[in-house]
Amino acid sequence: MQIKMTLFLVFMTASTFGQEIGHVKNGKHSVKLLKSENLFSWVYSDVNSRTKHMEKSFNFPNKETIYNIIIEGFENMNNHQIIVQTDQDTIVKFEYKKIKGEMLLNINHSNINSKTAGTSTSLSREQLAVLFGKQA
């Protein structure tokens, strides 16, 4: 009986939170990419949060469009930013910085309606490919 209940709870949790496409961990911070129905979610532990393991997220409709915007940003070898509005309320800033010779990406997002904001951990191009399911 306990096994059936555990399996049921695992199934419900997976269907509630959606399908995980990729997951990257940097020290104590992590980033996940999830798909639920026709929407993708970027879920990350906020590096600026005073609460341990505080996760924030933003949604977007097209995985390939966001992936292409992110990867094309790595072509410019100077520090720069790309700003995208993912829906009516959410602004996402892709911030590229060269650190110790490697170009890294931080993602900052602000939700105007809920007045929430957050910053992801720094990610390399290779980590982003794993996150988006582009590498095995």
Protein backbone atom coordinates (compact mmCIF):
# COMPACT_ATOMS: atom_id res chain seq x y z
CA MET A 1 0.00 0.00 0.00
CA GLN A 2 2.82 2.44 0.87
CA ILE A 3 4.54 1.76 -2.44
CA LYS A 4 1.34 2.52 -4.37
CA MET A 5 0.85 5.75 -2.41
CA THR A 6 4.47 6.79 -3.01
CA LEU A 7 4.20 6.10 -6.74
CA PHE A 8 0.95 8.06 -6.89
CA LEU A 9 2.55 11.06 -5.13
CA VAL A 10 5.61 10.95 -7.41
CA PHE A 11 3.35 10.85 -10.48
CA MET A 12 1.24 13.76 -9.23
CA THR A 13 4.31 15.84 -8.41
CA ALA A 14 5.78 15.25 -11.88
CA SER A 15 2.55 16.14 -13.63
CA THR A 16 1.97 19.22 -11.45
CA PHE A 17 5.39 20.76 -11.93
CA GLY A 18 5.90 19.73 -15.55
CA GLN A 19 8.62 17.95 -17.41
CA GLU A 20 12.21 18.86 -16.58
CA ILE A 21 14.22 19.51 -19.72
CA GLY A 22 17.52 20.26 -18.02
CA HIS A 23 19.13 21.06 -14.69
CA VAL A 24 22.46 22.78 -13.89
CA LYS A 25 24.02 23.25 -10.47
CA ASN A 26 26.73 25.79 -9.56
CA GLY A 27 27.82 25.27 -5.98
CA LYS A 28 24.76 25.90 -3.83
CA HIS A 29 22.75 27.50 -6.67
CA SER A 30 20.80 25.73 -9.38
CA VAL A 31 18.84 26.42 -12.55
CA LYS A 32 16.14 24.20 -14.06
CA LEU A 33 14.25 24.42 -17.33
CA LEU A 34 10.74 22.97 -17.15
CA LYS A 35 7.96 22.47 -19.68
CA SER A 36 4.34 22.50 -18.62
CA GLU A 37 1.77 22.23 -21.39
CA ASN A 38 2.71 24.94 -23.95
CA LEU A 39 4.84 27.08 -21.62
CA PHE A 40 8.48 26.84 -20.51
CA SER A 41 9.71 27.94 -17.08
CA TRP A 42 13.20 29.03 -16.04
CA VAL A 43 13.40 28.14 -12.32
CA TYR A 44 16.47 29.24 -10.41
CA SER A 45 17.80 29.80 -6.93
CA ASP A 46 18.18 33.55 -6.50
CA VAL A 47 21.80 34.47 -5.75
CA ASN A 48 20.68 37.68 -4.03
CA SER A 49 18.12 36.07 -1.74
CA ARG A 50 18.71 36.10 1.98
CA THR A 51 16.47 33.05 2.31
CA LYS A 52 18.31 29.78 1.75
CA HIS A 53 17.15 27.96 -1.40
CA MET A 54 14.72 30.73 -2.46
CA GLU A 55 13.58 29.80 -5.97
CA LYS A 56 12.21 32.26 -8.48
CA SER A 57 11.01 31.74 -12.01
CA PHE A 58 9.79 33.31 -15.22
CA ASN A 59 7.90 31.82 -18.14
CA PHE A 60 8.28 32.02 -21.89
CA PRO A 61 6.42 30.43 -24.82
CA ASN A 62 9.22 29.28 -27.15
CA LYS A 63 12.30 27.36 -25.99
CA GLU A 64 14.20 27.62 -29.27
CA THR A 65 13.78 31.40 -29.53
CA ILE A 66 15.13 32.00 -26.02
CA TYR A 67 17.95 29.47 -26.57
CA ASN A 68 19.00 31.18 -29.81
CA ILE A 69 18.95 34.63 -28.18
CA ILE A 70 21.11 33.34 -25.32
CA ILE A 71 23.63 31.45 -27.48
CA GLU A 72 23.98 34.29 -30.01
CA GLY A 73 24.89 36.55 -27.09
CA PHE A 74 28.05 34.48 -26.57
CA GLU A 75 29.30 35.52 -30.04
CA ASN A 76 30.02 39.08 -28.80
CA MET A 77 33.19 38.79 -26.73
CA ASN A 78 32.65 42.10 -24.89
CA ASN A 79 30.59 42.56 -21.74
CA HIS A 80 27.04 43.36 -22.85
CA GLN A 81 23.33 42.93 -22.14
CA ILE A 82 20.31 41.74 -24.07
CA ILE A 83 16.89 42.73 -22.74
CA VAL A 84 13.77 40.73 -23.62
CA GLN A 85 10.15 41.13 -22.57
CA THR A 86 8.84 37.56 -22.15
CA ASP A 87 5.22 38.55 -21.43
CA GLN A 88 3.28 41.68 -20.54
CA ASP A 89 4.70 41.82 -17.03
CA THR A 90 8.17 40.27 -17.17
CA ILE A 91 11.44 41.81 -18.33
CA VAL A 92 14.48 39.52 -18.59
CA LYS A 93 18.02 40.87 -18.87
CA PHE A 94 20.69 38.52 -20.20
CA GLU A 95 23.95 39.93 -18.83
CA TYR A 96 27.17 38.62 -20.39
CA LYS A 97 30.48 39.14 -18.59
CA LYS A 98 33.95 37.89 -19.35
CA ILE A 99 35.40 36.48 -16.13
CA LYS A 100 38.90 34.94 -16.09
CA GLY A 101 38.82 34.65 -19.87
CA GLU A 102 35.46 32.86 -20.04
CA MET A 103 32.21 34.48 -21.14
CA LEU A 104 29.49 33.82 -18.55
CA LEU A 105 25.80 34.68 -18.45
CA ASN A 106 23.72 35.93 -15.54
CA ILE A 107 19.99 36.24 -15.98
CA ASN A 108 18.11 38.97 -14.13
CA HIS A 109 14.35 39.10 -14.28
CA SER A 110 11.79 41.58 -13.01
CA ASN A 111 8.05 41.04 -12.81
CA ILE A 112 6.35 44.43 -12.87
CA ASN A 113 2.97 43.29 -11.46
CA SER A 114 4.21 41.14 -8.59
CA LYS A 115 7.17 43.46 -7.93
CA THR A 116 9.58 40.51 -7.76
CA ALA A 117 13.08 40.36 -9.15
CA GLY A 118 15.91 37.88 -9.06
CA THR A 119 19.31 36.91 -10.44
CA SER A 120 20.50 33.46 -11.49
CA THR A 121 23.94 32.04 -10.93
CA SER A 122 26.55 32.59 -13.67
CA LEU A 123 26.33 30.02 -16.45
CA SER A 124 28.72 29.04 -19.22
CA ARG A 125 27.72 28.31 -22.81
CA GLU A 126 28.21 24.58 -22.17
CA GLN A 127 25.98 24.65 -19.07
CA LEU A 128 23.26 26.40 -21.05
CA ALA A 129 23.42 23.73 -23.76
CA VAL A 130 22.91 21.07 -21.07
CA LEU A 131 20.08 23.07 -19.51
CA PHE A 132 18.25 23.28 -22.85
CA GLY A 133 18.82 19.58 -23.60
CA LYS A 134 21.26 20.23 -26.44
CA GLN A 135 24.03 17.98 -25.04
CA ALA A 136 24.02 14.50 -23.60
